[in-house]
C-alpha atoms as a PDB file:
ATOM      1  CA  MET A   1     -16.069  26.305 -61.567  1.00  0.00           C
ATOM      2  CA  GLU A   2     -17.582  23.567 -63.641  1.00  0.00           C
ATOM      3  CA  SER A   3     -20.810  24.332 -65.499  1.00  0.00           C
ATOM      4  CA  GLN A   4     -23.818  22.230 -64.633  1.00  0.00           C
ATOM      5  CA  PRO A   5     -25.414  20.252 -67.508  1.00  0.00           C
ATOM      6  CA  THR A   6     -28.648  21.733 -68.770  1.00  0.00           C
ATOM      7  CA  THR A   7     -31.598  19.325 -68.795  1.00  0.00           C
ATOM      8  CA  MET A   8     -35.065  19.820 -70.309  1.00  0.00           C
ATOM      9  CA  ARG A   9     -38.103  18.139 -68.902  1.00  0.00           C
ATOM     10  CA  ARG A  10     -40.195  16.159 -71.406  1.00  0.00           C
ATOM     11  CA  GLU A  11     -43.269  18.322 -70.763  1.00  0.00           C
ATOM     12  CA  ASP A  12     -41.215  21.457 -71.596  1.00  0.00           C
ATOM     13  CA  ASP A  13     -40.286  20.120 -75.023  1.00  0.00           C
ATOM     14  CA  PRO A  14     -42.723  21.496 -77.682  1.00  0.00           C
ATOM     15  CA  GLU A  15     -42.647  18.145 -79.460  1.00  0.00           C
ATOM     16  CA  TYR A  16     -44.103  16.385 -76.403  1.00  0.00           C
ATOM     17  CA  ARG A  17     -46.167  19.142 -74.833  1.00  0.00           C
ATOM     18  CA  ASP A  18     -49.720  18.046 -74.086  1.00  0.00           C
ATOM     19  CA  ASP A  19     -52.662  19.903 -75.598  1.00  0.00           C
ATOM     20  CA  PRO A  20     -55.737  17.925 -74.489  1.00  0.00           C
ATOM     21  CA  GLU A  21     -58.129  20.610 -75.728  1.00  0.00           C
ATOM     22  CA  PHE A  22     -56.767  20.343 -79.275  1.00  0.00           C
ATOM     23  CA  ASP A  23     -56.754  16.532 -79.170  1.00  0.00           C
ATOM     24  CA  LYS A  24     -60.359  16.382 -77.951  1.00  0.00           C
ATOM     25  CA  PHE A  25     -61.594  18.925 -80.494  1.00  0.00           C
ATOM     26  CA  ALA A  26     -59.795  17.191 -83.377  1.00  0.00           C
ATOM     27  CA  GLU A  27     -61.237  13.816 -82.353  1.00  0.00           C
ATOM     28  CA  GLU A  28     -64.774  15.244 -82.247  1.00  0.00           C
ATOM     29  CA  LEU A  29     -64.332  16.749 -85.722  1.00  0.00           C
ATOM     30  CA  SER A  30     -63.021  13.448 -87.048  1.00  0.00           C
ATOM     31  CA  VAL A  31     -66.068  11.558 -85.736  1.00  0.00           C
ATOM     32  CA  LYS A  32     -68.468  14.134 -87.202  1.00  0.00           C
ATOM     33  CA  LEU A  33     -66.678  14.058 -90.542  1.00  0.00           C
ATOM     34  CA  PHE A  34     -66.940  10.263 -90.656  1.00  0.00           C
ATOM     35  CA  SER A  35     -70.683  10.538 -89.956  1.00  0.00           C
ATOM     36  CA  LEU A  36     -71.030  13.069 -92.786  1.00  0.00           C
ATOM     37  CA  THR A  37     -69.289  10.698 -95.179  1.00  0.00           C
ATOM     38  CA  SER A  38     -71.735   7.931 -94.250  1.00  0.00           C
ATOM     39  CA  ASN A  39     -74.696  10.284 -94.774  1.00  0.00           C
ATOM     40  CA  ILE A  40     -73.424  11.226 -98.224  1.00  0.00           C
ATOM     41  CA  ALA A  41     -73.404   7.551 -99.245  1.00  0.00           C
ATOM     42  CA  ARG A  42     -77.012   7.090 -98.060  1.00  0.00           C
ATOM     43  CA  LEU A  43     -78.058  10.359 -99.690  1.00  0.00           C
ATOM     44  CA  SER A  44     -76.568   9.331-103.035  1.00  0.00           C
ATOM     45  CA  SER A  45     -78.469   6.051-102.862  1.00  0.00           C
ATOM     46  CA  GLN A  46     -81.797   7.810-102.182  1.00  0.00           C
ATOM     47  CA  ILE A  47     -81.287  10.497-104.851  1.00  0.00           C
ATOM     48  CA  SER A  48     -80.701   7.796-107.457  1.00  0.00           C
ATOM     49  CA  LEU A  49     -84.337   6.672-106.886  1.00  0.00           C
ATOM     50  CA  LEU A  50     -85.807  10.074-107.790  1.00  0.00           C
ATOM     51  CA  GLY A  51     -87.596  10.051-111.126  1.00  0.00           C
ATOM     52  CA  THR A  52     -87.771   6.234-111.234  1.00  0.00           C
ATOM     53  CA  LYS A  53     -90.606   3.783-110.512  1.00  0.00           C
ATOM     54  CA  ARG A  54     -89.337   3.601-106.924  1.00  0.00           C
ATOM     55  CA  ASP A  55     -89.789   7.359-106.443  1.00  0.00           C
ATOM     56  CA  THR A  56     -92.211   7.863-103.537  1.00  0.00           C
ATOM     57  CA  ASP A  57     -93.115  10.567-101.048  1.00  0.00           C
ATOM     58  CA  ARG A  58     -91.156   8.646 -98.432  1.00  0.00           C
ATOM     59  CA  VAL A  59     -88.037   8.637-100.627  1.00  0.00           C
ATOM     60  CA  ARG A  60     -88.312  12.384-101.191  1.00  0.00           C
ATOM     61  CA  GLU A  61     -88.792  12.933 -97.473  1.00  0.00           C
ATOM     62  CA  ARG A  62     -85.619  10.971 -96.737  1.00  0.00           C
ATOM     63  CA  VAL A  63     -83.722  12.949 -99.396  1.00  0.00           C
ATOM     64  CA  HIS A  64     -84.930  16.213 -97.864  1.00  0.00           C
ATOM     65  CA  ASP A  65     -83.994  15.156 -94.311  1.00  0.00           C
ATOM     66  CA  LEU A  66     -80.571  13.838 -95.333  1.00  0.00           C
ATOM     67  CA  LEU A  67     -79.818  17.011 -97.285  1.00  0.00           C
ATOM     68  CA  GLU A  68     -80.767  19.191 -94.326  1.00  0.00           C
ATOM     69  CA  GLU A  69     -78.724  17.044 -91.932  1.00  0.00           C
ATOM     70  CA  ALA A  70     -75.697  17.110 -94.233  1.00  0.00           C
ATOM     71  CA  ARG A  71     -75.895  20.881 -94.734  1.00  0.00           C
ATOM     72  CA  GLY A  72     -75.949  21.499 -91.003  1.00  0.00           C
ATOM     73  CA  GLY A  73     -73.142  19.014 -90.471  1.00  0.00           C
ATOM     74  CA  PHE A  74     -70.891  20.575 -93.093  1.00  0.00           C
ATOM     75  CA  LYS A  75     -71.430  24.043 -91.670  1.00  0.00           C
ATOM     76  CA  GLU A  76     -70.540  22.822 -88.177  1.00  0.00           C
ATOM     77  CA  VAL A  77     -67.497  20.785 -89.232  1.00  0.00           C
ATOM     78  CA  GLY A  78     -66.334  23.499 -91.647  1.00  0.00           C
ATOM     79  CA  ASP A  79     -66.356  26.104 -88.902  1.00  0.00           C
ATOM     80  CA  GLY A  80     -64.490  23.621 -86.704  1.00  0.00           C
ATOM     81  CA  VAL A  81     -61.837  23.027 -89.372  1.00  0.00           C
ATOM     82  CA  LYS A  82     -61.328  26.790 -89.703  1.00  0.00           C
ATOM     83  CA  LYS A  83     -60.969  27.072 -85.928  1.00  0.00           C
ATOM     84  CA  LEU A  84     -58.517  24.175 -85.877  1.00  0.00           C
ATOM     85  CA  SER A  85     -56.434  25.723 -88.662  1.00  0.00           C
ATOM     86  CA  ALA A  86     -55.961  28.863 -86.534  1.00  0.00           C
ATOM     87  CA  TRP A  87     -54.598  26.851 -83.571  1.00  0.00           C
ATOM     88  CA  ASP A  88     -51.115  28.033 -82.680  1.00  0.00           C
ATOM     89  CA  ASP A  89     -48.035  26.445 -81.114  1.00  0.00           C
ATOM     90  CA  LEU A  90     -48.565  22.917 -82.446  1.00  0.00           C
ATOM     91  CA  ASN A  91     -45.994  20.161 -82.684  1.00  0.00           C
ATOM     92  CA  ALA A  92     -45.407  18.226 -85.914  1.00  0.00           C
ATOM     93  CA  SER A  93     -47.884  15.466 -85.039  1.00  0.00           C
ATOM     94  CA  ARG A  94     -50.751  17.872 -84.339  1.00  0.00           C
ATOM     95  CA  LYS A  95     -49.955  19.912 -87.442  1.00  0.00           C
ATOM     96  CA  TYR A  96     -50.320  16.708 -89.432  1.00  0.00           C
ATOM     97  CA  THR A  97     -53.719  16.082 -87.784  1.00  0.00           C
ATOM     98  CA  GLN A  98     -54.718  19.660 -88.555  1.00  0.00           C
ATOM     99  CA  GLN A  99     -53.836  19.303 -92.237  1.00  0.00           C
ATOM    100  CA  LYS A 100     -55.332  15.816 -92.544  1.00  0.00           C
ATOM    101  CA  LEU A 101     -58.741  16.976 -91.293  1.00  0.00           C
ATOM    102  CA  SER A 102     -58.690  19.967 -93.657  1.00  0.00           C
ATOM    103  CA  ARG A 103     -57.983  17.747 -96.664  1.00  0.00           C
ATOM    104  CA  GLU A 104     -60.630  15.189 -95.665  1.00  0.00           C
ATOM    105  CA  PHE A 105     -63.221  17.928 -95.214  1.00  0.00           C
ATOM    106  CA  GLN A 106     -62.374  19.378 -98.613  1.00  0.00           C
ATOM    107  CA  SER A 107     -62.738  15.944-100.242  1.00  0.00           C
ATOM    108  CA  SER A 108     -66.096  15.241 -98.557  1.00  0.00           C
ATOM    109  CA  GLY A 109     -67.307  18.757 -99.379  1.00  0.00           C
ATOM    110  CA  SER A 110     -66.514  18.267-103.066  1.00  0.00           C
ATOM    111  CA  GLU A 111     -68.471  15.005-103.055  1.00  0.00           C
ATOM    112  CA  PHE A 112     -71.438  16.668-101.330  1.00  0.00           C
ATOM    113  CA  GLN A 113     -71.462  19.475-103.888  1.00  0.00           C
ATOM    114  CA  THR A 114     -71.770  16.865-106.629  1.00  0.00           C
ATOM    115  CA  ILE A 115     -74.635  15.196-104.749  1.00  0.00           C
ATOM    116  CA  GLN A 116     -76.436  18.523-104.325  1.00  0.00           C
ATOM    117  CA  ARG A 117     -76.176  19.262-108.049  1.00  0.00           C
ATOM    118  CA  MET A 118     -77.581  15.822-108.801  1.00  0.00           C
ATOM    119  CA  ALA A 119     -80.538  16.434-106.449  1.00  0.00           C
ATOM    120  CA  LEU A 120     -81.092  19.831-108.054  1.00  0.00           C
ATOM    121  CA  GLU A 121     -81.238  18.328-111.536  1.00  0.00           C
ATOM    122  CA  LYS A 122     -83.674  15.639-110.365  1.00  0.00           C
ATOM    123  CA  GLN A 123     -85.977  18.192-108.738  1.00  0.00           C
ATOM    124  CA  ARG A 124     -85.956  20.387-111.836  1.00  0.00           C
ATOM    125  CA  ALA A 125     -86.744  17.407-114.052  1.00  0.00           C
ATOM    126  CA  SER A 126     -89.658  16.451-111.769  1.00  0.00           C
ATOM    127  CA  ALA A 127     -91.067  20.005-111.833  1.00  0.00           C
ATOM    128  CA  SER A 128     -90.771  20.074-115.624  1.00  0.00           C
ATOM    129  CA  ALA A 129     -92.606  16.748-115.883  1.00  0.00           C
ATOM    130  CA  SER A 130     -95.448  18.091-113.727  1.00  0.00           C
ATOM    131  CA  ARG A 131     -95.809  21.159-115.954  1.00  0.00           C
ATOM    132  CA  THR A 132     -95.938  18.922-119.020  1.00  0.00           C
ATOM    133  CA  ALA A 133     -98.655  16.811-117.382  1.00  0.00           C
ATOM    134  CA  ILE A 134    -100.757  19.928-116.733  1.00  0.00           C
ATOM    135  CA  GLU A 135    -100.375  21.125-120.304  1.00  0.00           C
ATOM    136  CA  SER A 136    -101.387  17.730-121.673  1.00  0.00           C
ATOM    137  CA  THR A 137    -104.612  17.686-119.636  1.00  0.00           C
ATOM    138  CA  ASP A 138    -107.178  18.811-122.247  1.00  0.00           C
ATOM    139  CA  THR A 139    -110.799  17.636-122.570  1.00  0.00           C
ATOM    140  CA  SER A 140    -111.699  19.859-125.507  1.00  0.00           C
ATOM    141  CA  ASN A 141    -110.763  17.312-128.156  1.00  0.00           C
ATOM    142  CA  LEU A 142    -113.585  14.833-127.506  1.00  0.00           C
ATOM    143  CA  PRO A 143    -115.560  13.859-130.686  1.00  0.00           C
ATOM    144  CA  TYR A 144    -118.734  15.888-131.257  1.00  0.00           C
ATOM    145  CA  SER A 145    -122.059  14.209-132.089  1.00  0.00           C
ATOM    146  CA  ASP A 146    -125.284  15.668-133.538  1.00  0.00           C
ATOM    147  CA  SER A 147    -127.491  13.229-131.643  1.00  0.00           C
ATOM    148  CA  PRO A 148    -129.117  14.866-128.584  1.00  0.00           C
ATOM    149  CA  SER A 149    -128.731  11.720-126.500  1.00  0.00           C
ATOM    150  CA  GLN A 150    -125.112  11.366-127.480  1.00  0.00           C
ATOM    151  CA  GLN A 151    -124.540  15.058-126.852  1.00  0.00           C
ATOM    152  CA  GLN A 152    -125.932  14.677-123.341  1.00  0.00           C
ATOM    153  CA  SER A 153    -123.717  11.652-122.793  1.00  0.00           C
ATOM    154  CA  GLN A 154    -120.728  13.578-124.064  1.00  0.00           C
ATOM    155  CA  VAL A 155    -121.503  16.492-121.726  1.00  0.00           C
ATOM    156  CA  GLN A 156    -121.625  14.121-118.755  1.00  0.00           C
ATOM    157  CA  GLU A 157    -118.405  12.461-119.868  1.00  0.00           C
ATOM    158  CA  GLN A 158    -116.729  15.850-120.295  1.00  0.00           C
ATOM    159  CA  ASP A 159    -117.869  16.899-116.822  1.00  0.00           C
ATOM    160  CA  GLN A 160    -116.420  13.736-115.310  1.00  0.00           C
ATOM    161  CA  LEU A 161    -113.179  14.143-117.220  1.00  0.00           C
ATOM    162  CA  ARG A 162    -113.029  17.804-116.289  1.00  0.00           C
ATOM    163  CA  LEU A 163    -113.369  16.950-112.603  1.00  0.00           C
ATOM    164  CA  ALA A 164    -110.772  14.219-112.891  1.00  0.00           C
ATOM    165  CA  SER A 165    -108.507  16.518-114.882  1.00  0.00           C
ATOM    166  CA  GLN A 166    -108.886  19.301-112.326  1.00  0.00           C
ATOM    167  CA  ASP A 167    -107.865  16.899-109.568  1.00  0.00           C
ATOM    168  CA  GLU A 168    -104.820  15.948-111.608  1.00  0.00           C
ATOM    169  CA  VAL A 169    -104.015  19.602-112.265  1.00  0.00           C
ATOM    170  CA  ASP A 170    -104.299  20.430-108.580  1.00  0.00           C
ATOM    171  CA  PHE A 171    -102.055  17.483-107.726  1.00  0.00           C
ATOM    172  CA  GLN A 172     -99.444  18.405-110.314  1.00  0.00           C
ATOM    173  CA  GLU A 173     -99.494  22.058-109.227  1.00  0.00           C
ATOM    174  CA  SER A 174     -98.920  21.031-105.630  1.00  0.00           C
ATOM    175  CA  LEU A 175     -95.966  18.928-106.803  1.00  0.00           C
ATOM    176  CA  ILE A 176     -94.573  21.890-108.713  1.00  0.00           C
ATOM    177  CA  VAL A 177     -94.814  24.112-105.627  1.00  0.00           C
ATOM    178  CA  GLU A 178     -93.102  21.446-103.525  1.00  0.00           C
ATOM    179  CA  ARG A 179     -90.329  20.840-106.076  1.00  0.00           C
ATOM    180  CA  GLU A 180     -89.676  24.550-106.592  1.00  0.00           C
ATOM    181  CA  SER A 181     -89.432  25.070-102.836  1.00  0.00           C
ATOM    182  CA  GLU A 182     -86.885  22.263-102.602  1.00  0.00           C
ATOM    183  CA  ILE A 183     -84.993  23.703-105.584  1.00  0.00           C
ATOM    184  CA  ARG A 184     -84.714  27.082-103.833  1.00  0.00           C
ATOM    185  CA  ASN A 185     -83.489  25.397-100.653  1.00  0.00           C
ATOM    186  CA  ILE A 186     -80.813  23.467-102.527  1.00  0.00           C
ATOM    187  CA  GLU A 187     -79.689  26.531-104.491  1.00  0.00           C
ATOM    188  CA  GLN A 188     -79.440  28.568-101.286  1.00  0.00           C
ATOM    189  CA  SER A 189     -77.481  25.784 -99.591  1.00  0.00           C
ATOM    190  CA  VAL A 190     -75.103  25.496-102.544  1.00  0.00           C
ATOM    191  CA  GLY A 191     -74.371  29.221-102.329  1.00  0.00           C
ATOM    192  CA  GLU A 192     -73.829  29.199 -98.561  1.00  0.00           C
ATOM    193  CA  LEU A 193     -71.610  26.117 -98.520  1.00  0.00           C
ATOM    194  CA  ASN A 194     -69.588  27.219-101.548  1.00  0.00           C
ATOM    195  CA  GLU A 195     -68.216  30.125 -99.517  1.00  0.00           C
ATOM    196  CA  LEU A 196     -67.277  27.765 -96.688  1.00  0.00           C
ATOM    197  CA  PHE A 197     -65.644  25.290 -99.079  1.00  0.00           C
ATOM    198  CA  ARG A 198     -63.652  28.117-100.693  1.00  0.00           C
ATOM    199  CA  ASP A 199     -62.357  29.167 -97.262  1.00  0.00           C
ATOM    200  CA  VAL A 200     -61.245  25.617 -96.466  1.00  0.00           C
ATOM    201  CA  ALA A 201     -59.721  25.224 -99.949  1.00  0.00           C
ATOM    202  CA  HIS A 202     -57.658  28.352 -99.246  1.00  0.00           C
ATOM    203  CA  ILE A 203     -56.569  26.869 -95.914  1.00  0.00           C
ATOM    204  CA  VAL A 204     -55.538  23.605 -97.595  1.00  0.00           C
ATOM    205  CA  HIS A 205     -53.595  25.574-100.211  1.00  0.00           C
ATOM    206  CA  GLU A 206     -51.735  27.519 -97.515  1.00  0.00           C
ATOM    207  CA  GLN A 207     -51.033  24.316 -95.605  1.00  0.00           C
ATOM    208  CA  GLY A 208     -49.710  22.771 -98.813  1.00  0.00           C
ATOM    209  CA  ALA A 209     -47.315  25.692 -99.253  1.00  0.00           C
ATOM    210  CA  MET A 210     -46.293  25.251 -95.626  1.00  0.00           C
ATOM    211  CA  LEU A 211     -45.673  21.549 -96.226  1.00  0.00           C
ATOM    212  CA  ASP A 212     -43.534  22.371 -99.256  1.00  0.00           C
ATOM    213  CA  HIS A 213     -41.504  24.757 -97.097  1.00  0.00           C
ATOM    214  CA  ILE A 214     -41.148  22.080 -94.433  1.00  0.00           C
ATOM    215  CA  ASP A 215     -40.057  19.546 -97.073  1.00  0.00           C
ATOM    216  CA  VAL A 216     -37.364  21.956 -98.281  1.00  0.00           C
ATOM    217  CA  ASN A 217     -36.158  22.453 -94.711  1.00  0.00           C
ATOM    218  CA  VAL A 218     -36.151  18.701 -94.109  1.00  0.00           C
ATOM    219  CA  THR A 219     -34.150  18.175 -97.303  1.00  0.00           C
ATOM    220  CA  ASN A 220     -31.668  20.836 -96.247  1.00  0.00           C
ATOM    221  CA  VAL A 221     -31.380  19.297 -92.790  1.00  0.00           C
ATOM    222  CA  ASN A 222     -30.792  15.858 -94.319  1.00  0.00           C
ATOM    223  CA  THR A 223     -28.106  17.307 -96.595  1.00  0.00           C
ATOM    224  CA  ASP A 224     -26.444  19.094 -93.684  1.00  0.00           C
ATOM    225  CA  THR A 225     -26.654  15.924 -91.594  1.00  0.00           C
ATOM    226  CA  ARG A 226     -25.002  13.830 -94.297  1.00  0.00           C
ATOM    227  CA  GLN A 227     -22.276  16.458 -94.711  1.00  0.00           C
ATOM    228  CA  ALA A 228     -21.739  16.561 -90.962  1.00  0.00           C
ATOM    229  CA  ASP A 229     -21.544  12.770 -90.898  1.00  0.00           C
ATOM    230  CA  VAL A 230     -18.854  12.822 -93.599  1.00  0.00           C
ATOM    231  CA  GLU A 231     -16.909  15.430 -91.681  1.00  0.00           C
ATOM    232  CA  LEU A 232     -17.216  13.476 -88.435  1.00  0.00           C
ATOM    233  CA  ARG A 233     -15.987  10.307 -90.125  1.00  0.00           C
ATOM    234  CA  SER A 234     -13.072  12.231 -91.584  1.00  0.00           C
ATOM    235  CA  ALA A 235     -12.268  13.717 -88.199  1.00  0.00           C
ATOM    236  CA  SER A 236     -12.512  10.292 -86.608  1.00  0.00           C
ATOM    237  CA  ARG A 237     -10.062   8.821 -89.127  1.00  0.00           C
ATOM    238  CA  TYR A 238      -7.705  11.752 -88.537  1.00  0.00           C
ATOM    239  CA  GLN A 239      -7.881  11.227 -84.778  1.00  0.00           C
ATOM    240  CA  LYS A 240      -7.160   7.515 -85.203  1.00  0.00           C
ATOM    241  CA  ASN A 241      -4.179   8.258 -87.430  1.00  0.00           C
ATOM    242  CA  ALA A 242      -2.949  10.873 -84.988  1.00  0.00           C
ATOM    243  CA  ARG A 243      -3.223   8.422 -82.096  1.00  0.00           C
ATOM    244  CA  SER A 244      -1.339   5.769 -84.073  1.00  0.00           C
ATOM    245  CA  LYS A 245       1.442   8.200 -84.892  1.00  0.00           C
ATOM    246  CA  ALA A 246       1.593   9.320 -81.258  1.00  0.00           C
ATOM    247  CA  CYS A 247       1.856   5.728 -80.067  1.00  0.00           C
ATOM    248  CA  CYS A 248       4.670   5.007 -82.542  1.00  0.00           C
ATOM    249  CA  LEU A 249       6.519   8.128 -81.456  1.00  0.00           C
ATOM    250  CA  LEU A 250       6.163   7.207 -77.775  1.00  0.00           C
ATOM    251  CA  LEU A 251       7.381   3.700 -78.531  1.00  0.00           C
ATOM    252  CA  ILE A 252      10.447   5.055 -80.360  1.00  0.00           C
ATOM    253  CA  LEU A 253      11.191   7.450 -77.488  1.00  0.00           C
ATOM    254  CA  ALA A 254      10.848   4.600 -75.012  1.00  0.00           C
ATOM    255  CA  VAL A 255      13.292   2.444 -76.995  1.00  0.00           C
ATOM    256  CA  VAL A 256      15.787   5.314 -77.262  1.00  0.00           C
ATOM    257  CA  LEU A 257      15.425   6.000 -73.541  1.00  0.00           C
ATOM    258  CA  VAL A 258      16.051   2.319 -72.717  1.00  0.00           C
ATOM    259  CA  ILE A 259      19.161   2.299 -74.933  1.00  0.00           C
ATOM    260  CA  ILE A 260      20.497   5.431 -73.250  1.00  0.00           C
ATOM    261  CA  ILE A 261      19.897   3.977 -69.797  1.00  0.00           C
ATOM    262  CA  LEU A 262      21.555   0.651 -70.735  1.00  0.00           C
ATOM    263  CA  ALA A 263      24.532   2.464 -72.222  1.00  0.00           C
ATOM    264  CA  ALA A 264      24.926   4.520 -69.098  1.00  0.00           C
ATOM    265  CA  VAL A 265      24.725   1.490 -66.829  1.00  0.00           C
ATOM    266  CA  LEU A 266      27.043  -0.684 -68.887  1.00  0.00           C
ATOM    267  CA  GLY A 267      29.508   2.156 -69.437  1.00  0.00           C
END
């Protein structure tokens, strides 16, 4: 009884099996990661204005909003990358997508960490400048005069300066409170995201080891394939030689048979 050939449907082959849930999730992560990269560029541009003549409340508001948006985005995408890295039963193409997103997230995360440190330094410098401005506000060094009229004028001038100075002190103190609050937010964010970035870095490292293992296997397969090709070529040459020898032998036998037949007939 002849055996029937075994056939595999395309959808049963792991290399071609559909996984629409993975594809959709990976595409969403890719779009979000691209948006994060764009936000980092805008954030870097706005942070560069801090501490310059173009530093305004509006600029600081944009920096604050972009930082908050980026933090939330990195947390969301980071959790998604971790989820994607735990996806099982993937073909080679989807494993490549999995590893590509992990590496891109790690690269963007490193850039965002640099941006956060830059914002932190700018905020600290601004708070320090406000403290210096408060310390330099001193009305006690006005020249003293013995003349009653001049003394009265000096008292009025001191009162006016004191009021103006107090307004400046109040303003600078409010800036210090605002800057210190932003500093605490950034420091907290740095700590929270560092843990996430370390997790993804570990994933990328493991995927790199996996890729090295795959490369070794691919190299071994290529070596085995080349060896098999050599052996097949050798076998093919042997078969050709064997066929040639068989043909020659059959031809000789045919000639001998013809001679025998002719001898028998003529005899």
